[in-house]
Protein backbone atom coordinates (compact mmCIF):
# COMPACT_ATOMS: atom_id res chain seq x y z
CA MET A 1 49.08 105.95 97.45
CA THR A 2 51.25 103.46 95.61
CA THR A 3 51.97 105.64 92.62
CA PRO A 4 54.02 108.20 94.58
CA ILE A 5 55.95 105.31 96.15
CA PHE A 6 56.73 103.93 92.71
CA ALA A 7 57.68 107.36 91.58
CA LEU A 8 60.01 107.81 94.50
CA VAL A 9 61.61 104.37 94.04
CA GLY A 10 62.06 105.15 90.30
CA LEU A 11 63.62 108.50 91.11
CA LEU A 12 65.96 106.84 93.65
CA VAL A 13 67.00 104.23 91.01
CA VAL A 14 67.69 106.92 88.43
CA LEU A 15 69.61 109.03 91.05
CA GLY A 16 71.66 105.84 92.00
CA ILE A 17 72.57 105.23 88.33
CA VAL A 18 73.63 108.85 87.90
CA VAL A 19 75.73 108.72 91.05
CA LEU A 20 77.36 105.40 90.01
CA PHE A 21 78.05 106.81 86.56
CA ALA A 22 79.60 109.99 88.08
CA MET A 23 81.74 107.86 90.38
CA PHE A 24 82.83 105.73 87.45
CA VAL A 25 83.78 108.80 85.41
CA ILE A 26 85.63 110.33 88.36
CA GLY A 27 87.56 107.16 88.96
CA LYS A 28 88.61 106.89 85.33
CA TYR A 29 89.55 110.50 85.18
CA ASN A 30 91.68 110.31 88.38
CA GLY A 31 93.32 107.12 86.97
CA LEU A 32 94.39 109.01 83.87
CA VAL A 33 95.68 111.96 85.92
CA THR A 34 97.71 109.49 88.03
CA LEU A 35 99.19 107.87 84.96
CA ARG A 36 99.99 111.25 83.34
CA ASN A 37 101.64 112.45 86.51
CA ARG A 38 103.78 109.29 86.60
CA PHE A 39 105.18 109.80 83.17
CA LYS A 40 105.80 113.53 83.93
CA ASN A 41 107.71 112.54 87.08
CA ALA A 42 109.67 109.92 85.04
CA TRP A 43 110.63 112.74 82.54
CA ALA A 44 111.87 114.81 85.46
CA GLN A 45 114.43 112.10 86.25
CA ILE A 46 115.68 112.20 82.57
CA ASP A 47 115.68 116.08 82.75
CA VAL A 48 118.02 115.97 85.77
CA GLN A 49 120.51 113.65 84.00
CA LEU A 50 120.38 115.48 80.69
CA LYS A 51 121.02 118.75 82.49
CA ARG A 52 124.04 117.19 84.20
CA ARG A 53 125.28 115.98 80.80
CA TYR A 54 124.78 119.43 79.21
CA ASP A 55 126.84 120.99 82.13
CA LEU A 56 129.74 118.51 81.65
CA ILE A 57 130.09 119.06 77.87
CA PRO A 58 131.43 122.57 77.99
CA ASN A 59 134.09 121.46 80.50
CA LEU A 60 135.07 118.63 78.24
CA VAL A 61 135.38 120.97 75.22
CA GLU A 62 137.32 123.52 77.32
CA THR A 63 139.79 120.86 78.46
CA ALA A 64 140.14 119.44 74.90
CA LYS A 65 140.55 122.90 73.40
CA GLY A 66 144.22 123.28 74.45
CA TYR A 67 145.09 120.07 72.72
CA LEU A 68 142.70 120.11 69.67
CA LYS A 69 143.76 123.53 68.53
CA HIS A 70 143.40 122.63 64.89
CA GLU A 71 140.03 121.05 65.40
CA ARG A 72 138.07 124.26 66.18
CA GLY A 73 135.19 123.37 63.90
CA THR A 74 134.58 120.03 65.71
CA LEU A 75 134.58 121.66 69.11
CA GLU A 76 132.27 124.42 68.02
CA ALA A 77 129.92 121.82 66.48
CA VAL A 78 129.84 120.05 69.87
CA ILE A 79 128.91 123.26 71.69
CA ALA A 80 126.25 124.18 69.07
CA ALA A 81 124.78 120.64 69.27
CA ARG A 82 124.85 120.86 73.10
CA ASN A 83 123.02 124.19 73.12
CA SER A 84 120.44 123.00 70.59
CA ALA A 85 119.73 119.81 72.70
CA SER A 86 119.54 121.85 75.90
CA SER A 87 116.96 124.17 74.24
CA ALA A 88 114.94 121.21 72.95
CA ASN A 89 115.06 119.61 76.42
CA SER A 90 113.69 122.80 77.93
CA ARG A 91 110.66 122.56 75.65
CA VAL A 92 110.04 119.00 76.55
CA THR A 93 110.39 119.76 80.25
CA ALA A 94 107.75 122.45 79.95
CA ASN A 95 105.33 119.81 78.51
CA PRO A 96 106.42 116.25 78.48
CA GLY A 97 103.40 115.23 76.63
CA ASP A 98 104.21 117.44 73.58
CA ALA A 99 105.00 115.02 70.79
CA GLU A 100 106.58 117.57 68.48
CA ALA A 101 108.89 118.79 71.27
CA MET A 102 109.89 115.20 72.03
CA LYS A 103 110.69 114.55 68.37
CA ALA A 104 112.84 117.71 68.18
CA LEU A 105 114.65 116.55 71.34
CA VAL A 106 115.33 113.10 69.86
CA ALA A 107 116.75 114.76 66.70
CA ALA A 108 118.90 117.20 68.66
CA GLU A 109 120.19 114.38 70.92
CA GLY A 110 121.17 112.38 67.91
CA THR A 111 123.14 115.33 66.54
CA LEU A 112 124.84 115.83 69.92
CA SER A 113 125.83 112.22 70.14
CA GLY A 114 127.31 112.28 66.70
CA SER A 115 129.29 115.50 67.44
CA LEU A 116 130.60 114.04 70.70
CA GLY A 117 131.52 110.86 68.89
CA ARG A 118 133.58 112.81 66.36
CA MET A 119 135.38 114.80 69.09
CA PHE A 120 136.27 111.58 71.04
CA ALA A 121 137.59 110.00 67.78
CA LEU A 122 139.80 113.01 67.17
CA ALA A 123 140.98 112.93 70.82
CA GLU A 124 142.27 109.41 70.28
CA ALA A 125 145.16 110.92 68.14
CA TYR A 126 146.36 113.12 70.99
CA PRO A 127 148.27 111.13 73.66
CA ASP A 128 148.67 114.21 75.93
CA LEU A 129 144.93 114.69 75.96
CA LYS A 130 144.32 110.98 76.66
CA ALA A 131 146.68 111.24 79.65
CA ASN A 132 145.00 114.44 81.02
CA THR A 133 143.53 113.68 84.46
CA SER A 134 140.79 116.30 84.14
CA MET A 135 139.68 114.99 80.82
CA ASN A 136 139.60 111.35 82.12
CA GLN A 137 137.58 112.45 85.14
CA LEU A 138 135.12 114.34 82.94
CA MET A 139 134.87 111.33 80.61
CA GLU A 140 134.03 109.02 83.57
CA GLU A 141 131.33 111.39 84.80
CA LEU A 142 129.92 111.69 81.21
CA THR A 143 129.83 107.86 80.91
CA SER A 144 128.07 107.55 84.27
CA THR A 145 125.60 110.21 83.29
CA GLU A 146 124.89 108.54 79.95
CA ASN A 147 124.14 105.23 81.68
CA LYS A 148 121.78 107.05 84.07
CA VAL A 149 120.02 108.69 81.10
CA SER A 150 119.55 105.25 79.53
CA PHE A 151 118.06 103.89 82.68
CA ALA A 152 115.80 106.90 83.24
CA ARG A 153 114.71 106.75 79.54
CA GLN A 154 113.48 103.13 80.11
CA SER A 155 111.53 104.11 83.13
CA TYR A 156 109.99 107.04 81.33
CA ASN A 157 109.05 104.96 78.28
CA ASP A 158 107.45 102.41 80.55
CA SER A 159 105.37 105.11 82.22
CA VAL A 160 104.32 106.58 78.85
CA MET A 161 103.30 103.16 77.62
CA ALA A 162 101.11 102.68 80.70
CA TYR A 163 99.55 106.03 80.26
CA ASN A 164 98.92 105.60 76.58
CA THR A 165 97.40 102.20 77.06
CA GLY A 166 95.26 103.46 79.85
CA ARG A 167 93.90 106.33 77.70
CA GLU A 168 93.27 104.07 74.72
CA VAL A 169 91.26 101.22 76.34
CA PHE A 170 87.52 101.28 76.28
CA PRO A 171 85.70 102.88 78.01
CA THR A 172 88.45 105.10 79.38
CA ASN A 173 89.22 106.38 75.84
CA ILE A 174 85.76 108.07 75.91
CA ILE A 175 86.71 109.94 79.13
CA ALA A 176 90.29 110.70 77.79
CA GLY A 177 88.65 112.31 74.77
CA MET A 178 86.17 114.27 76.84
CA PHE A 179 88.84 115.76 79.02
CA ASN A 180 91.58 116.11 76.34
CA PHE A 181 94.15 113.63 77.66
CA ALA A 182 96.47 113.66 74.58
CA PRO A 183 98.81 110.75 73.82
CA ALA A 184 102.33 111.00 75.12
CA GLU A 185 105.45 110.51 73.00
CA LEU A 186 108.10 107.86 73.84
CA PHE A 187 111.61 109.05 74.18
CA VAL A 188 112.92 106.67 71.51
CA VAL A 189 116.38 106.71 70.05
CA ASP A 190 116.08 105.68 66.42
CA LYS A 191 119.62 105.32 65.21
CA ALA A 192 121.88 102.59 66.47
CA GLU A 193 124.74 105.03 67.20
CA GLN A 194 122.35 107.09 69.32
CA ARG A 195 121.28 104.04 71.31
CA GLU A 196 124.67 103.57 72.87
CA ALA A 197 126.39 106.07 75.13
CA PRO A 198 129.18 107.89 73.28
CA LYS A 199 132.43 105.94 73.56
CA VAL A 200 134.48 107.97 75.98
CA GLN A 201 137.22 105.49 76.87
CA PHE A 202 140.80 106.28 76.09
């Protein structure tokens, strides 16, 4: 009579261990999903600001075009860089965890910042453009947007760091590997000139 009881107790113990292990795995999995969703949401905040920035740039170029008639190459470079950055941003927005897409965006943003910087440097030589109300308004909006991008980038990078740390620590790293939680890429601006918002003051 005692053997079936011991067998039943043994079975219940094994079943309890299996249930605890399953709950542990589910908890870690859900934690990773939460961290991943946080960094994706943080990227959405950057995306909003970058799109606002991309929408402002054609208006800036159009306003400047009447004054910078002999600087057509510079203005075209700004629009080309803007289009390239916008396209790269769309790829990142489709999958914020895609490291290659993020690297392409960082490079495109660097090119765009450089092009804008050259346009603003040229604009300094045109007093009528510096006095243009529309241009000044657009510049203020761009400066405000650049500041919001910087703030949102910090929030995003914090979320990515929390996610990457969460997926790398033991034993969560085993679960991350089992369920293909890939590492996320920081939105890091490498060059000093890219780190600062373009100088848009006249």
